[in-house]
Amino acid sequence: MARMQISNETSTWLLQAKEFLDEARRLKPGPERKELRQTAKVLREIAKLEAASEQAVERDRLQRT
């Protein structure tokens, strides 16, 4: 069974999510803070889907060789 290589790169989506969360932490509780936190949550989901997609592509590539 082939070993999967895990990238040491941090996803751009995750970096953006971190920035949104950092900004949300500076705000008092309220709608703006909630919106930033929800946006960060969506960005983390996108990063998760992107990572899964990249792993699938890598698996396919390894199976073809």
N, C-alpha and C. Protein backbone atom coordinates (compact mmCIF):
# COMPACT_ATOMS: atom_id res chain seq x y z
N MET A 1 0.85 -1.18 0.00
CA MET A 1 0.00 0.00 0.00
C MET A 1 0.89 1.24 0.00
N ALA A 2 0.57 2.20 -0.82
CA ALA A 2 1.38 3.40 -0.95
C ALA A 2 1.15 4.33 0.25
N ARG A 3 2.22 4.98 0.65
CA ARG A 3 2.11 5.96 1.73
C ARG A 3 1.73 7.31 1.14
N MET A 4 0.82 8.00 1.81
CA MET A 4 0.42 9.31 1.32
C MET A 4 1.34 10.37 1.91
N GLN A 5 1.73 11.30 1.08
CA GLN A 5 2.57 12.40 1.51
C GLN A 5 1.67 13.54 1.99
N ILE A 6 1.94 14.01 3.20
CA ILE A 6 1.15 15.10 3.75
C ILE A 6 1.93 16.39 3.55
N SER A 7 1.26 17.36 2.97
CA SER A 7 1.91 18.63 2.67
C SER A 7 2.13 19.42 3.95
N ASN A 8 3.30 20.05 4.03
CA ASN A 8 3.60 20.91 5.17
C ASN A 8 3.09 22.33 4.94
N GLU A 9 2.57 22.58 3.75
CA GLU A 9 2.05 23.90 3.44
C GLU A 9 0.72 24.12 4.17
N THR A 10 0.54 25.33 4.66
CA THR A 10 -0.73 25.68 5.27
C THR A 10 -1.62 26.24 4.18
N SER A 11 -2.82 25.73 4.12
CA SER A 11 -3.77 26.16 3.10
C SER A 11 -4.05 27.66 3.21
N THR A 12 -4.20 28.29 2.07
CA THR A 12 -4.58 29.70 2.04
C THR A 12 -5.91 29.91 2.73
N TRP A 13 -6.81 28.93 2.56
CA TRP A 13 -8.12 29.01 3.20
C TRP A 13 -7.98 29.02 4.72
N LEU A 14 -7.08 28.19 5.25
CA LEU A 14 -6.88 28.14 6.69
C LEU A 14 -6.24 29.42 7.22
N LEU A 15 -5.33 29.98 6.45
CA LEU A 15 -4.72 31.24 6.86
C LEU A 15 -5.76 32.36 6.91
N GLN A 16 -6.63 32.38 5.92
CA GLN A 16 -7.69 33.39 5.92
C GLN A 16 -8.65 33.18 7.09
N ALA A 17 -8.97 31.93 7.38
CA ALA A 17 -9.86 31.63 8.51
C ALA A 17 -9.24 32.12 9.80
N LYS A 18 -7.94 31.93 9.96
CA LYS A 18 -7.25 32.39 11.16
C LYS A 18 -7.34 33.90 11.29
N GLU A 19 -7.16 34.60 10.17
CA GLU A 19 -7.25 36.05 10.20
C GLU A 19 -8.65 36.52 10.60
N PHE A 20 -9.68 35.85 10.09
CA PHE A 20 -11.05 36.20 10.46
C PHE A 20 -11.29 35.95 11.94
N LEU A 21 -10.78 34.83 12.46
CA LEU A 21 -10.96 34.54 13.88
C LEU A 21 -10.21 35.52 14.76
N ASP A 22 -9.01 35.88 14.35
CA ASP A 22 -8.24 36.88 15.10
C ASP A 22 -9.01 38.20 15.19
N GLU A 23 -9.58 38.60 14.06
CA GLU A 23 -10.36 39.84 14.04
C GLU A 23 -11.62 39.70 14.90
N ALA A 24 -12.27 38.56 14.84
CA ALA A 24 -13.48 38.34 15.64
C ALA A 24 -13.17 38.41 17.13
N ARG A 25 -12.01 37.92 17.52
CA ARG A 25 -11.64 37.96 18.94
C ARG A 25 -11.46 39.39 19.46
N ARG A 26 -11.14 40.30 18.57
CA ARG A 26 -10.95 41.69 18.97
C ARG A 26 -12.28 42.43 19.17
N LEU A 27 -13.35 41.85 18.64
CA LEU A 27 -14.65 42.51 18.72
C LEU A 27 -15.44 42.06 19.94
N LYS A 28 -16.35 42.91 20.36
CA LYS A 28 -17.28 42.54 21.42
C LYS A 28 -18.32 41.61 20.80
N PRO A 29 -18.94 40.74 21.64
CA PRO A 29 -19.99 39.87 21.10
C PRO A 29 -21.07 40.68 20.38
N GLY A 30 -21.47 40.16 19.25
CA GLY A 30 -22.50 40.83 18.46
C GLY A 30 -22.56 40.25 17.07
N PRO A 31 -23.39 40.82 16.21
CA PRO A 31 -23.60 40.25 14.87
C PRO A 31 -22.34 40.26 14.00
N GLU A 32 -21.54 41.30 14.10
CA GLU A 32 -20.33 41.36 13.27
C GLU A 32 -19.35 40.25 13.67
N ARG A 33 -19.18 40.06 14.96
CA ARG A 33 -18.30 39.00 15.46
C ARG A 33 -18.81 37.62 15.03
N LYS A 34 -20.11 37.43 15.15
CA LYS A 34 -20.72 36.15 14.76
C LYS A 34 -20.50 35.89 13.27
N GLU A 35 -20.66 36.92 12.45
CA GLU A 35 -20.47 36.76 11.01
C GLU A 35 -19.02 36.37 10.68
N LEU A 36 -18.06 36.99 11.35
CA LEU A 36 -16.65 36.65 11.11
C LEU A 36 -16.37 35.20 11.50
N ARG A 37 -16.93 34.77 12.61
CA ARG A 37 -16.73 33.39 13.06
C ARG A 37 -17.37 32.39 12.09
N GLN A 38 -18.54 32.73 11.57
CA GLN A 38 -19.20 31.85 10.60
C GLN A 38 -18.40 31.78 9.30
N THR A 39 -17.86 32.92 8.89
CA THR A 39 -17.04 32.94 7.69
C THR A 39 -15.81 32.06 7.87
N ALA A 40 -15.17 32.16 9.03
CA ALA A 40 -14.00 31.33 9.32
C ALA A 40 -14.37 29.85 9.28
N LYS A 41 -15.53 29.52 9.77
CA LYS A 41 -15.99 28.12 9.76
C LYS A 41 -16.13 27.61 8.33
N VAL A 42 -16.70 28.43 7.45
CA VAL A 42 -16.86 28.04 6.05
C VAL A 42 -15.49 27.88 5.39
N LEU A 43 -14.57 28.78 5.68
CA LEU A 43 -13.23 28.69 5.10
C LEU A 43 -12.52 27.41 5.55
N ARG A 44 -12.70 27.01 6.81
CA ARG A 44 -12.11 25.75 7.28
C ARG A 44 -12.71 24.55 6.56
N GLU A 45 -14.01 24.60 6.29
CA GLU A 45 -14.65 23.52 5.54
C GLU A 45 -14.11 23.44 4.12
N ILE A 46 -13.92 24.59 3.50
CA ILE A 46 -13.36 24.62 2.14
C ILE A 46 -11.96 24.01 2.16
N ALA A 47 -11.16 24.36 3.15
CA ALA A 47 -9.80 23.82 3.26
C ALA A 47 -9.84 22.31 3.42
N LYS A 48 -10.79 21.82 4.20
CA LYS A 48 -10.92 20.38 4.41
C LYS A 48 -11.28 19.66 3.10
N LEU A 49 -12.22 20.25 2.35
CA LEU A 49 -12.61 19.67 1.06
C LEU A 49 -11.47 19.71 0.06
N GLU A 50 -10.73 20.79 0.05
CA GLU A 50 -9.59 20.92 -0.85
C GLU A 50 -8.54 19.86 -0.54
N ALA A 51 -8.26 19.64 0.73
CA ALA A 51 -7.27 18.64 1.13
C ALA A 51 -7.73 17.24 0.72
N ALA A 52 -9.00 16.95 0.91
CA ALA A 52 -9.52 15.64 0.53
C ALA A 52 -9.43 15.46 -0.98
N SER A 53 -9.70 16.50 -1.73
CA SER A 53 -9.62 16.43 -3.19
C SER A 53 -8.18 16.19 -3.64
N GLU A 54 -7.24 16.89 -3.03
CA GLU A 54 -5.83 16.70 -3.38
C GLU A 54 -5.36 15.29 -3.06
N GLN A 55 -5.83 14.74 -1.95
CA GLN A 55 -5.46 13.37 -1.59
C GLN A 55 -6.03 12.38 -2.60
N ALA A 56 -7.25 12.62 -3.05
CA ALA A 56 -7.86 11.73 -4.03
C ALA A 56 -7.09 11.77 -5.35
N VAL A 57 -6.69 12.94 -5.76
CA VAL A 57 -5.91 13.08 -7.00
C VAL A 57 -4.58 12.34 -6.85
N GLU A 58 -3.94 12.49 -5.71
CA GLU A 58 -2.66 11.82 -5.48
C GLU A 58 -2.83 10.29 -5.48
N ARG A 59 -3.91 9.81 -4.86
CA ARG A 59 -4.18 8.36 -4.86
C ARG A 59 -4.36 7.85 -6.29
N ASP A 60 -5.13 8.59 -7.08
CA ASP A 60 -5.35 8.20 -8.48
C ASP A 60 -4.05 8.16 -9.25
N ARG A 61 -3.20 9.17 -9.01
CA ARG A 61 -1.92 9.23 -9.71
C ARG A 61 -1.05 8.04 -9.34
N LEU A 62 -1.04 7.68 -8.05
CA LEU A 62 -0.22 6.56 -7.60
C LEU A 62 -0.74 5.22 -8.15
N GLN A 63 -2.04 5.10 -8.28
CA GLN A 63 -2.62 3.86 -8.80
C GLN A 63 -2.32 3.68 -10.28
N ARG A 64 -2.11 4.73 -10.99
CA ARG A 64 -1.86 4.65 -12.43
C ARG A 64 -0.41 4.30 -12.74
N THR A 65 0.47 4.45 -11.77
CA THR A 65 1.89 4.17 -12.04
C THR A 65 2.26 2.74 -11.69
